[in-house]
Amino acid sequence: MAWVSFDVFRTLGFPDTLNLKADHLFRHKQEIAAAEWVLFPPYWQLNSLLYGLNTRVFPSEASYRLGHNKVEMTRAFELVAPAHTPHTLIAANTPENAQRLWAEMHLPFVAKQPKAAMGEGVWLIENAADWRAYLGKTDTLYAQEYLPIDRDIRVVIVGESVVAAYWRKQAPRGFYNNLAKGGKPDYSPVPEQAIELALHLARSLTINHAGFDIAMVGAHPYVLEFNRLFGNQGIPGGDKQLRQSILDVLQRGAKPEPRTPIKPGRLRQAA
C-alpha cells in the first residue's frame, strides 16, 4: 500500500503515505504515478492526475467536478432528485437575464456565487437594491427560492456511509446556518428522509466525500448543496472519526461505482 497525500491535515497518521505540497506535483511524478491512491489533490491538479498519470484520486472525480461549481452541482441535483431541489434559475449575467430573473423570482429569494464555500458568496435578496448589489459581484446569475427554515441538516458521507448527521441552527445574525458563519450544531434526532436524500444523491452521482446540506420543509427534504472539503467542527469525534472513515474506504480499495441511480423508497414516491 502506497499513497500520496496533498493535504497532510486530513490524512495525518495515515500509514505508508507520502505527504507532498501542491507545487511538488512534477518533482514527484514517478511516486505519484505509482501510488495506489492520490489523496486530496488541489482541484487544479485533477486533469493532470487523471489523464496524464492515470491515477486514482480520493475524493472521487465526481466529488471534485460537481463540488467545484454550484451551477454544475444544482443541474445534477435537478436530474437525479428534481422534487428535492429548490426552484433555481441560472443564467449569464446580462442586463436582459438580470431583468428576467428579477421578474420571475418571488421575494425574498437567495442569490449565490457559483464558486464559494463556508457560507460565503450567498445573499438573501429582499429588494431591488440587494439584487443590484449582487449583480456587481458575479458573472453568472444563480437565483434560488427561499425556503422558510431556521436551521438545516448537515449529512456527512464518506464512501457510501453516513459518518454524521446533525442539525445546524441559524446564526444570531440570521439567514446563515453554516458553522463558519455562526451557526450552532444541534444533535437532536435527524429525520430519516434527510439521510435518505443525501445517500441517494451520493450514490447516484458517485460522490464519496461530502457534507450535504439538507433543508426540511415540513416532512419534505430539499438539498441546498454539498461541500467536498467540509469542516469537522460539528462531527462527533471530529478529526479522528473522519480519518478512520476515510481509511476504511481506502483500505478496502473501494472504487467509485458506476453511475446507477439508487432511489430510496421514500424518494421514489416524491420524485
Protein backbone atom coordinates (compact mmCIF):
# COMPACT_ATOMS: atom_id res chain seq x y z
CA MET A 1 0.00 0.00 0.00
CA ALA A 2 1.48 3.34 -1.06
CA TRP A 3 -0.48 6.57 -1.01
CA VAL A 4 0.30 10.18 -1.82
CA SER A 5 -1.48 12.99 0.01
CA PHE A 6 -1.64 16.67 -0.80
CA ASP A 7 -3.48 17.52 2.44
CA VAL A 8 -1.45 16.47 5.47
CA PHE A 9 -4.06 17.77 7.91
CA ARG A 10 -6.79 15.48 6.51
CA THR A 11 -4.53 12.44 6.28
CA LEU A 12 -2.41 12.89 9.40
CA GLY A 13 -1.33 9.49 10.71
CA PHE A 14 -2.23 7.55 7.55
CA PRO A 15 0.16 4.61 7.04
CA ASP A 16 2.65 4.45 4.16
CA THR A 17 1.65 7.88 2.90
CA LEU A 18 3.92 10.40 1.20
CA ASN A 19 2.79 13.93 2.06
CA LEU A 20 3.52 16.48 -0.63
CA LYS A 21 2.97 20.17 -1.17
CA ALA A 22 0.85 21.12 -4.17
CA ASP A 23 3.80 22.55 -6.10
CA HIS A 24 5.67 19.22 -5.81
CA LEU A 25 3.49 17.60 -8.49
CA PHE A 26 6.20 17.50 -11.17
CA ARG A 27 9.07 16.85 -8.77
CA HIS A 28 7.49 13.59 -7.58
CA LYS A 29 5.84 12.43 -10.79
CA GLN A 30 7.10 8.83 -10.50
CA GLU A 31 5.91 8.35 -6.91
CA ILE A 32 2.53 9.84 -7.75
CA ALA A 33 2.09 7.65 -10.84
CA ALA A 34 2.92 4.53 -8.80
CA ALA A 35 0.65 5.38 -5.87
CA GLU A 36 -2.39 3.25 -5.15
CA TRP A 37 -4.31 6.37 -4.16
CA VAL A 38 -3.68 10.09 -4.57
CA LEU A 39 -5.46 11.85 -1.73
CA PHE A 40 -6.99 15.33 -1.66
CA PRO A 41 -5.11 16.88 -4.58
CA PRO A 42 -5.99 20.53 -5.27
CA TYR A 43 -8.58 20.98 -7.99
CA TRP A 44 -6.10 22.37 -10.50
CA GLN A 45 -4.22 19.05 -10.50
CA LEU A 46 -7.23 16.88 -11.26
CA ASN A 47 -6.98 16.67 -15.05
CA SER A 48 -3.23 16.09 -14.95
CA LEU A 49 -3.55 13.29 -12.41
CA LEU A 50 -6.49 11.53 -14.07
CA TYR A 51 -5.45 11.86 -17.69
CA GLY A 52 -1.71 12.49 -17.53
CA LEU A 53 -0.75 9.92 -14.89
CA ASN A 54 -3.89 7.73 -14.83
CA THR A 55 -4.06 7.84 -11.04
CA ARG A 56 -6.93 7.03 -8.69
CA VAL A 57 -7.92 10.03 -6.63
CA PHE A 58 -9.85 10.41 -3.42
CA PRO A 59 -12.34 12.06 -3.17
CA SER A 60 -13.89 10.81 -6.40
CA GLU A 61 -13.77 12.71 -9.66
CA ALA A 62 -17.49 13.50 -9.35
CA SER A 63 -16.93 14.89 -5.87
CA TYR A 64 -14.43 17.30 -7.39
CA ARG A 65 -16.28 18.21 -10.58
CA LEU A 66 -19.68 18.80 -9.02
CA GLY A 67 -18.41 20.18 -5.74
CA HIS A 68 -16.34 22.82 -7.51
CA ASN A 69 -19.26 24.71 -9.02
CA LYS A 70 -22.78 25.28 -7.69
CA VAL A 71 -24.14 25.57 -11.22
CA GLU A 72 -22.99 22.08 -12.21
CA MET A 73 -23.99 20.76 -8.79
CA THR A 74 -27.53 22.11 -8.99
CA ARG A 75 -28.07 20.85 -12.53
CA ALA A 76 -27.03 17.37 -11.43
CA PHE A 77 -29.39 17.57 -8.44
CA GLU A 78 -32.25 18.60 -10.72
CA LEU A 79 -31.68 15.49 -12.84
CA VAL A 80 -31.49 12.88 -10.07
CA ALA A 81 -33.76 14.46 -7.42
CA PRO A 82 -35.96 17.11 -9.08
CA ALA A 83 -38.62 17.06 -6.38
CA HIS A 84 -35.96 17.72 -3.75
CA THR A 85 -34.14 20.62 -5.43
CA PRO A 86 -35.35 24.18 -4.70
CA HIS A 87 -36.55 26.12 -7.73
CA THR A 88 -33.41 27.66 -9.24
CA LEU A 89 -32.75 29.94 -12.21
CA ILE A 90 -29.25 30.12 -13.70
CA ALA A 91 -28.10 32.43 -16.49
CA ALA A 92 -25.22 34.56 -17.70
CA ASN A 93 -25.11 37.99 -16.07
CA THR A 94 -26.51 40.20 -18.81
CA PRO A 95 -28.98 43.09 -18.38
CA GLU A 96 -31.68 41.06 -20.12
CA ASN A 97 -31.17 38.00 -17.92
CA ALA A 98 -30.92 40.07 -14.77
CA GLN A 99 -34.28 41.69 -15.55
CA ARG A 100 -35.86 38.32 -16.43
CA LEU A 101 -34.71 36.57 -13.24
CA TRP A 102 -35.80 39.53 -11.13
CA ALA A 103 -39.26 39.36 -12.69
CA GLU A 104 -39.58 35.58 -12.27
CA MET A 105 -38.35 35.13 -8.69
CA HIS A 106 -40.57 35.77 -5.69
CA LEU A 107 -39.17 37.89 -2.87
CA PRO A 108 -37.31 37.08 -0.80
CA PHE A 109 -35.00 34.72 -2.67
CA VAL A 110 -31.42 33.53 -2.37
CA ALA A 111 -28.60 34.50 -4.74
CA LYS A 112 -25.25 32.73 -4.88
CA GLN A 113 -21.87 32.90 -6.50
CA PRO A 114 -21.11 29.64 -8.34
CA LYS A 115 -17.78 29.09 -6.59
CA ALA A 116 -17.88 29.76 -2.87
CA ALA A 117 -17.88 27.79 0.40
CA MET A 118 -18.19 28.13 4.18
CA GLY A 119 -21.27 30.32 3.85
CA GLU A 120 -19.52 32.89 1.65
CA GLY A 121 -20.98 34.06 -1.63
CA VAL A 122 -24.60 33.66 -0.51
CA TRP A 123 -27.07 36.54 -0.16
CA LEU A 124 -30.68 36.97 0.84
CA ILE A 125 -32.32 39.19 -1.77
CA GLU A 126 -35.15 41.18 -0.21
CA ASN A 127 -35.37 44.19 -2.51
CA ALA A 128 -34.10 45.70 -5.76
CA ALA A 129 -31.08 47.26 -4.04
CA ASP A 130 -29.97 43.82 -2.84
CA TRP A 131 -30.30 42.47 -6.37
CA ARG A 132 -28.31 45.31 -7.91
CA ALA A 133 -25.53 44.80 -5.38
CA TYR A 134 -25.42 41.09 -6.20
CA LEU A 135 -25.25 41.79 -9.94
CA GLY A 136 -21.94 43.54 -9.42
CA LYS A 137 -20.37 40.50 -7.74
CA THR A 138 -20.79 37.69 -10.26
CA ASP A 139 -20.57 36.77 -13.95
CA THR A 140 -23.19 34.04 -13.56
CA LEU A 141 -26.62 34.63 -12.07
CA TYR A 142 -27.83 31.99 -9.64
CA ALA A 143 -31.21 32.69 -8.07
CA GLN A 144 -32.90 30.13 -5.83
CA GLU A 145 -36.19 30.10 -3.97
CA TYR A 146 -36.01 30.95 -0.29
CA LEU A 147 -37.08 28.09 1.95
CA PRO A 148 -38.85 29.00 5.22
CA ILE A 149 -36.37 27.39 7.63
CA ASP A 150 -34.40 28.46 10.70
CA ARG A 151 -32.00 25.50 10.55
CA ASP A 152 -30.75 22.86 8.17
CA ILE A 153 -29.10 19.44 8.39
CA ARG A 154 -25.53 18.53 7.61
CA VAL A 155 -25.15 14.91 6.47
CA VAL A 156 -21.52 13.82 6.18
CA ILE A 157 -20.89 10.90 3.83
CA VAL A 158 -17.62 9.07 3.26
CA GLY A 159 -17.68 6.24 0.76
CA GLU A 160 -21.30 5.14 0.89
CA SER A 161 -21.71 5.50 4.65
CA VAL A 162 -23.09 8.30 6.81
CA VAL A 163 -20.39 9.45 9.23
CA ALA A 164 -22.53 12.09 10.95
CA ALA A 165 -25.90 13.79 10.64
CA TYR A 166 -26.81 16.80 12.75
CA TRP A 167 -28.83 19.99 12.70
CA ARG A 168 -27.24 23.39 12.18
CA LYS A 169 -29.21 26.13 13.90
CA GLN A 170 -29.31 29.59 12.41
CA ALA A 171 -26.67 32.10 13.43
CA PRO A 172 -27.72 35.02 15.67
CA ARG A 173 -27.31 37.35 12.67
CA GLY A 174 -30.00 35.31 10.88
CA PHE A 175 -30.19 33.53 7.50
CA TYR A 176 -26.86 31.64 7.74
CA ASN A 177 -26.73 28.12 9.21
CA ASN A 178 -23.10 27.38 8.37
CA LEU A 179 -20.97 26.90 11.49
CA ALA A 180 -18.29 29.11 9.98
CA LYS A 181 -20.89 31.90 9.90
CA GLY A 182 -22.01 31.48 13.50
CA GLY A 183 -24.48 28.60 13.20
CA LYS A 184 -24.66 26.15 16.09
CA PRO A 185 -24.75 22.33 15.96
CA ASP A 186 -27.78 20.61 17.43
CA TYR A 187 -27.67 16.85 17.95
CA SER A 188 -31.41 16.28 18.16
CA PRO A 189 -32.63 13.35 16.03
CA VAL A 190 -32.42 13.96 12.29
CA PRO A 191 -35.33 12.88 10.05
CA GLU A 192 -34.64 9.73 8.08
CA GLN A 193 -35.85 11.46 4.90
CA ALA A 194 -32.86 13.82 5.04
CA ILE A 195 -30.39 10.95 5.36
CA GLU A 196 -32.07 9.00 2.57
CA LEU A 197 -31.87 12.02 0.26
CA ALA A 198 -28.15 12.55 0.95
CA LEU A 199 -27.41 8.86 0.34
CA HIS A 200 -29.46 8.88 -2.85
CA LEU A 201 -27.50 11.85 -4.18
CA ALA A 202 -24.13 10.43 -3.19
CA ARG A 203 -24.82 7.04 -4.77
CA SER A 204 -26.45 8.41 -7.92
CA LEU A 205 -23.67 10.92 -8.57
CA THR A 206 -20.73 8.81 -7.23
CA ILE A 207 -19.86 11.42 -4.60
CA ASN A 208 -17.80 9.74 -1.87
CA HIS A 209 -16.61 12.53 0.43
CA ALA A 210 -19.10 15.30 1.12
CA GLY A 211 -21.04 17.29 3.62
CA PHE A 212 -24.58 17.61 2.23
CA ASP A 213 -26.77 20.48 3.40
CA ILE A 214 -30.38 19.38 3.58
CA ALA A 215 -33.35 21.60 4.47
CA MET A 216 -36.58 20.21 5.85
CA VAL A 217 -39.80 22.00 4.89
CA GLY A 218 -42.34 20.10 6.91
CA ALA A 219 -41.55 16.45 6.22
CA HIS A 220 -40.08 17.14 2.78
CA PRO A 221 -36.27 17.32 2.34
CA TYR A 222 -34.54 19.70 -0.07
CA VAL A 223 -30.86 19.62 -0.99
CA LEU A 224 -29.15 23.00 -0.86
CA GLU A 225 -25.62 21.99 -1.82
CA PHE A 226 -22.68 19.83 -0.76
CA ASN A 227 -19.12 20.64 0.21
CA ARG A 228 -16.26 18.35 -0.81
CA LEU A 229 -13.92 19.88 1.76
CA PHE A 230 -16.29 20.30 4.67
CA GLY A 231 -15.45 21.39 8.20
CA ASN A 232 -15.34 18.84 11.00
CA GLN A 233 -16.27 21.05 13.97
CA GLY A 234 -19.78 19.61 14.18
CA ILE A 235 -18.83 15.95 13.71
CA PRO A 236 -18.89 13.90 16.92
CA GLY A 237 -15.36 12.60 17.30
CA GLY A 238 -14.04 15.25 14.91
CA ASP A 239 -10.85 14.50 13.00
CA LYS A 240 -10.39 11.04 14.50
CA GLN A 241 -13.81 9.78 13.40
CA LEU A 242 -13.47 11.27 9.94
CA ARG A 243 -9.96 9.93 9.32
CA GLN A 244 -10.97 6.43 10.34
CA SER A 245 -13.90 6.50 7.94
CA ILE A 246 -11.61 7.58 5.08
CA LEU A 247 -9.07 4.91 6.00
CA ASP A 248 -11.77 2.24 5.91
CA VAL A 249 -12.72 3.24 2.36
CA LEU A 250 -9.14 3.41 1.13
CA GLN A 251 -8.05 0.15 2.72
CA ARG A 252 -10.96 -1.69 1.15
CA GLY A 253 -9.69 -0.40 -2.18
CA ALA A 254 -13.17 0.89 -2.93
CA LYS A 255 -13.54 2.32 -6.41
CA PRO A 256 -16.32 4.69 -7.49
CA GLU A 257 -19.36 2.68 -8.52
CA PRO A 258 -20.93 3.06 -11.99
CA ARG A 259 -23.47 5.84 -12.18
CA THR A 260 -26.53 3.72 -11.49
CA PRO A 261 -29.08 5.83 -9.58
CA ILE A 262 -30.29 4.23 -6.37
CA LYS A 263 -33.65 5.64 -5.34
CA PRO A 264 -34.60 5.14 -1.70
CA GLY A 265 -38.20 4.08 -1.24
CA ARG A 266 -39.49 7.34 0.20
CA LEU A 267 -37.86 9.38 -2.53
CA ARG A 268 -39.33 7.16 -5.23
CA GLN A 269 -42.83 8.33 -4.43
CA ALA A 270 -41.91 12.02 -4.11
CA ALA A 271 -39.78 12.27 -7.28
